[in-house]
C-alpha atoms as a PDB file:
ATOM      1  CA  MET A   1     -41.687  22.071 -18.606  1.00  0.00           C
ATOM      2  CA  MET A   2     -39.096  20.086 -16.765  1.00  0.00           C
ATOM      3  CA  LYS A   3     -35.831  19.639 -17.989  1.00  0.00           C
ATOM      4  CA  ASN A   4     -34.258  16.112 -17.382  1.00  0.00           C
ATOM      5  CA  SER A   5     -30.392  17.401 -17.128  1.00  0.00           C
ATOM      6  CA  PHE A   6     -29.594  14.577 -14.445  1.00  0.00           C
ATOM      7  CA  ILE A   7     -30.130  11.292 -16.724  1.00  0.00           C
ATOM      8  CA  ALA A   8     -26.955  11.970 -18.935  1.00  0.00           C
ATOM      9  CA  PRO A   9     -24.633  12.038 -15.929  1.00  0.00           C
ATOM     10  CA  LEU A  10     -26.756   9.246 -14.253  1.00  0.00           C
ATOM     11  CA  ILE A  11     -25.868   6.999 -16.974  1.00  0.00           C
ATOM     12  CA  LEU A  12     -22.397   8.030 -17.434  1.00  0.00           C
ATOM     13  CA  SER A  13     -21.875   6.656 -13.473  1.00  0.00           C
ATOM     14  CA  VAL A  14     -23.244   3.820 -13.850  1.00  0.00           C
ATOM     15  CA  ALA A  15     -21.485   3.154 -17.220  1.00  0.00           C
ATOM     16  CA  GLY A  16     -18.407   4.417 -15.548  1.00  0.00           C
ATOM     17  CA  LEU A  17     -19.103   1.975 -12.340  1.00  0.00           C
ATOM     18  CA  ALA A  18     -19.685  -1.023 -14.640  1.00  0.00           C
ATOM     19  CA  LEU A  19     -15.776  -0.146 -16.939  1.00  0.00           C
ATOM     20  CA  LEU A  20     -14.109   0.041 -13.571  1.00  0.00           C
ATOM     21  CA  LEU A  21     -15.167  -3.956 -12.748  1.00  0.00           C
ATOM     22  CA  PRO A  22     -12.198  -5.724 -14.096  1.00  0.00           C
ATOM     23  CA  ALA A  23      -9.782  -3.396 -12.612  1.00  0.00           C
ATOM     24  CA  SER A  24     -11.346  -3.749  -8.943  1.00  0.00           C
ATOM     25  CA  TYR A  25     -11.796  -7.330  -9.715  1.00  0.00           C
ATOM     26  CA  PHE A  26      -8.043  -7.486 -10.631  1.00  0.00           C
ATOM     27  CA  LEU A  27      -7.064  -5.026  -7.765  1.00  0.00           C
ATOM     28  CA  LEU A  28      -9.470  -7.632  -5.100  1.00  0.00           C
ATOM     29  CA  THR A  29      -7.328 -10.862  -6.274  1.00  0.00           C
ATOM     30  CA  LEU A  30      -4.149  -8.720  -5.870  1.00  0.00           C
ATOM     31  CA  PHE A  31      -5.467  -8.057  -2.461  1.00  0.00           C
ATOM     32  CA  VAL A  32      -6.360 -11.291  -1.339  1.00  0.00           C
ATOM     33  CA  ARG A  33      -3.165 -12.503  -2.455  1.00  0.00           C
ATOM     34  CA  VAL A  34      -1.231 -10.591  -0.551  1.00  0.00           C
ATOM     35  CA  LEU A  35      -3.232 -10.427   2.843  1.00  0.00           C
ATOM     36  CA  PHE A  36      -4.096 -14.047   2.651  1.00  0.00           C
ATOM     37  CA  GLY A  37      -2.114 -15.864   0.783  1.00  0.00           C
ATOM     38  CA  SER A  38      -4.477 -17.216  -2.018  1.00  0.00           C
ATOM     39  CA  THR A  39      -3.341 -16.804  -5.838  1.00  0.00           C
ATOM     40  CA  THR A  40      -6.111 -19.187  -7.374  1.00  0.00           C
ATOM     41  CA  LEU A  41      -8.008 -16.071  -8.469  1.00  0.00           C
ATOM     42  CA  TYR A  42      -4.927 -13.820  -8.504  1.00  0.00           C
ATOM     43  CA  TYR A  43      -2.950 -16.706 -11.070  1.00  0.00           C
ATOM     44  CA  ALA A  44      -6.081 -16.510 -13.378  1.00  0.00           C
ATOM     45  CA  ILE A  45      -6.159 -12.912 -14.260  1.00  0.00           C
ATOM     46  CA  ALA A  46      -2.725 -11.925 -13.430  1.00  0.00           C
ATOM     47  CA  PRO A  47      -0.891 -13.373 -16.865  1.00  0.00           C
ATOM     48  CA  SER A  48      -3.279 -11.861 -19.062  1.00  0.00           C
ATOM     49  CA  PHE A  49      -2.438  -8.466 -17.404  1.00  0.00           C
ATOM     50  CA  LEU A  50       1.504  -8.822 -17.005  1.00  0.00           C
ATOM     51  CA  GLN A  51       1.939 -10.761 -20.099  1.00  0.00           C
ATOM     52  CA  ALA A  52       0.077  -8.392 -22.744  1.00  0.00           C
ATOM     53  CA  SER A  53       1.008  -8.339 -26.138  1.00  0.00           C
ATOM     54  CA  ALA A  54       3.166  -5.533 -27.606  1.00  0.00           C
ATOM     55  CA  GLU A  55       0.569  -3.835 -28.711  1.00  0.00           C
ATOM     56  CA  ILE A  56      -0.443  -0.394 -26.460  1.00  0.00           C
ATOM     57  CA  PHE A  57      -3.924  -0.021 -27.211  1.00  0.00           C
ATOM     58  CA  SER A  58      -4.891  -3.428 -27.139  1.00  0.00           C
ATOM     59  CA  PHE A  59      -8.744  -4.273 -25.978  1.00  0.00           C
ATOM     60  CA  HIS A  60      -8.399  -7.731 -24.236  1.00  0.00           C
ATOM     61  CA  LYS A  61      -8.812  -8.628 -20.590  1.00  0.00           C
ATOM     62  CA  SER A  62      -5.564  -6.723 -19.583  1.00  0.00           C
ATOM     63  CA  GLY A  63      -7.273  -3.548 -21.473  1.00  0.00           C
ATOM     64  CA  TRP A  64      -9.894  -3.466 -19.795  1.00  0.00           C
ATOM     65  CA  ILE A  65      -8.324  -3.795 -16.656  1.00  0.00           C
ATOM     66  CA  LEU A  66      -6.202  -0.634 -17.292  1.00  0.00           C
ATOM     67  CA  TYR A  67      -7.784   1.582 -19.839  1.00  0.00           C
ATOM     68  CA  GLY A  68     -10.924   1.508 -17.969  1.00  0.00           C
ATOM     69  CA  PRO A  69     -10.478   3.238 -15.185  1.00  0.00           C
ATOM     70  CA  LEU A  70      -8.927   5.827 -17.389  1.00  0.00           C
ATOM     71  CA  LEU A  71     -12.143   5.985 -19.905  1.00  0.00           C
ATOM     72  CA  VAL A  72     -14.165   6.508 -16.607  1.00  0.00           C
ATOM     73  CA  VAL A  73     -12.524   9.939 -15.656  1.00  0.00           C
ATOM     74  CA  ILE A  74     -12.954  11.016 -19.545  1.00  0.00           C
ATOM     75  CA  LEU A  75     -16.527   9.959 -19.292  1.00  0.00           C
ATOM     76  CA  ASN A  76     -17.444  11.567 -16.346  1.00  0.00           C
ATOM     77  CA  ILE A  77     -15.138  14.818 -16.258  1.00  0.00           C
ATOM     78  CA  VAL A  78     -17.088  15.521 -19.635  1.00  0.00           C
ATOM     79  CA  ALA A  79     -20.546  14.771 -18.157  1.00  0.00           C
ATOM     80  CA  GLY A  80     -19.777  17.498 -16.095  1.00  0.00           C
ATOM     81  CA  LEU A  81     -18.688  20.159 -18.423  1.00  0.00           C
ATOM     82  CA  HIS A  82     -20.357  22.615 -20.183  1.00  0.00           C
ATOM     83  CA  PHE A  83     -19.129  24.775 -22.929  1.00  0.00           C
ATOM     84  CA  GLN A  84     -21.087  28.434 -23.669  1.00  0.00           C
ATOM     85  CA  LEU A  85     -20.454  30.249 -26.268  1.00  0.00           C
ATOM     86  CA  SER A  86     -21.866  33.909 -25.764  1.00  0.00           C
ATOM     87  CA  THR A  87     -21.635  36.937 -28.699  1.00  0.00           C
ATOM     88  CA  GLY A  88     -21.663  40.452 -27.876  1.00  0.00           C
ATOM     89  CA  SER A  89     -20.751  43.574 -29.588  1.00  0.00           C
ATOM     90  CA  LEU A  90     -17.921  42.862 -31.782  1.00  0.00           C
ATOM     91  CA  LYS A  91     -16.795  40.009 -28.735  1.00  0.00           C
ATOM     92  CA  ILE A  92     -17.134  36.404 -28.816  1.00  0.00           C
ATOM     93  CA  ARG A  93     -17.181  34.754 -25.517  1.00  0.00           C
ATOM     94  CA  PHE A  94     -16.075  31.290 -24.428  1.00  0.00           C
ATOM     95  CA  SER A  95     -16.293  29.884 -21.041  1.00  0.00           C
ATOM     96  CA  MET A  96     -16.073  26.365 -20.033  1.00  0.00           C
ATOM     97  CA  LEU A  97     -18.595  25.318 -16.694  1.00  0.00           C
ATOM     98  CA  TYR A  98     -18.266  22.422 -14.739  1.00  0.00           C
ATOM     99  CA  ARG A  99     -21.544  21.492 -12.805  1.00  0.00           C
ATOM    100  CA  ASN A 100     -20.522  19.843  -9.701  1.00  0.00           C
ATOM    101  CA  GLY A 101     -22.462  16.595  -9.801  1.00  0.00           C
ATOM    102  CA  TRP A 102     -21.244  14.517  -6.736  1.00  0.00           C
ATOM    103  CA  LEU A 103     -21.957  11.227  -8.176  1.00  0.00           C
ATOM    104  CA  ASN A 104     -19.458  11.666 -11.297  1.00  0.00           C
ATOM    105  CA  THR A 105     -16.724  13.779  -9.167  1.00  0.00           C
ATOM    106  CA  ALA A 106     -16.969  10.266  -6.830  1.00  0.00           C
ATOM    107  CA  ILE A 107     -16.022   8.037  -9.470  1.00  0.00           C
ATOM    108  CA  VAL A 108     -13.753  10.212 -11.133  1.00  0.00           C
ATOM    109  CA  LEU A 109     -11.859  10.023  -8.063  1.00  0.00           C
ATOM    110  CA  GLN A 110     -11.977   6.188  -7.467  1.00  0.00           C
ATOM    111  CA  SER A 111     -11.132   5.344 -10.761  1.00  0.00           C
ATOM    112  CA  LEU A 112      -7.898   7.874 -10.816  1.00  0.00           C
ATOM    113  CA  LEU A 113      -7.276   6.133  -7.138  1.00  0.00           C
ATOM    114  CA  ILE A 114      -7.878   2.672  -9.111  1.00  0.00           C
ATOM    115  CA  PHE A 115      -5.589   3.414 -12.100  1.00  0.00           C
ATOM    116  CA  ALA A 116      -2.578   4.852  -9.751  1.00  0.00           C
ATOM    117  CA  ALA A 117      -3.020   1.439  -7.954  1.00  0.00           C
ATOM    118  CA  LEU A 118      -2.510  -0.345 -11.011  1.00  0.00           C
ATOM    119  CA  VAL A 119       0.452   1.774 -12.476  1.00  0.00           C
ATOM    120  CA  ILE A 120       2.242   1.303  -9.180  1.00  0.00           C
ATOM    121  CA  TYR A 121       1.880  -2.467  -9.154  1.00  0.00           C
ATOM    122  CA  LEU A 122       3.253  -2.648 -12.809  1.00  0.00           C
ATOM    123  CA  VAL A 123       6.284  -0.269 -11.818  1.00  0.00           C
ATOM    124  CA  ILE A 124       6.733  -2.847  -9.204  1.00  0.00           C
ATOM    125  CA  GLN A 125       6.259  -6.137 -11.153  1.00  0.00           C
ATOM    126  CA  HIS A 126       8.624  -4.335 -13.760  1.00  0.00           C
ATOM    127  CA  TYR A 127      11.224  -3.646 -11.726  1.00  0.00           C
ATOM    128  CA  ARG A 128      10.733  -7.253  -9.468  1.00  0.00           C
ATOM    129  CA  TYR A 129      11.267  -9.371 -12.894  1.00  0.00           C
END
């Protein structure tokens, strides 16, 4: 019988790419503003990101921009991890394995880079104003 073990990581990869869309769109508008000077798209999304409410885990537009990449990292790392618990004679052995899925690993690296860019942007904006 054929085992469909590739479906869950593929679904999590597609979900991860969808969760990266708000942050990617924000960074795209930021780069358009910096490189070309066009501020229309940037000011449509940036004030809600910079003037978020005081709640640290608020999930409106700015929450999806900042916490989306972190959620992608968590989901895709969990998709690659496998836990095994085996018992022997008077011993219990616990092992954790990471399945090497190239798509999940690429999405994790991409989301870490996007999150790092967002953190750098927020630090610059914080010290600028």
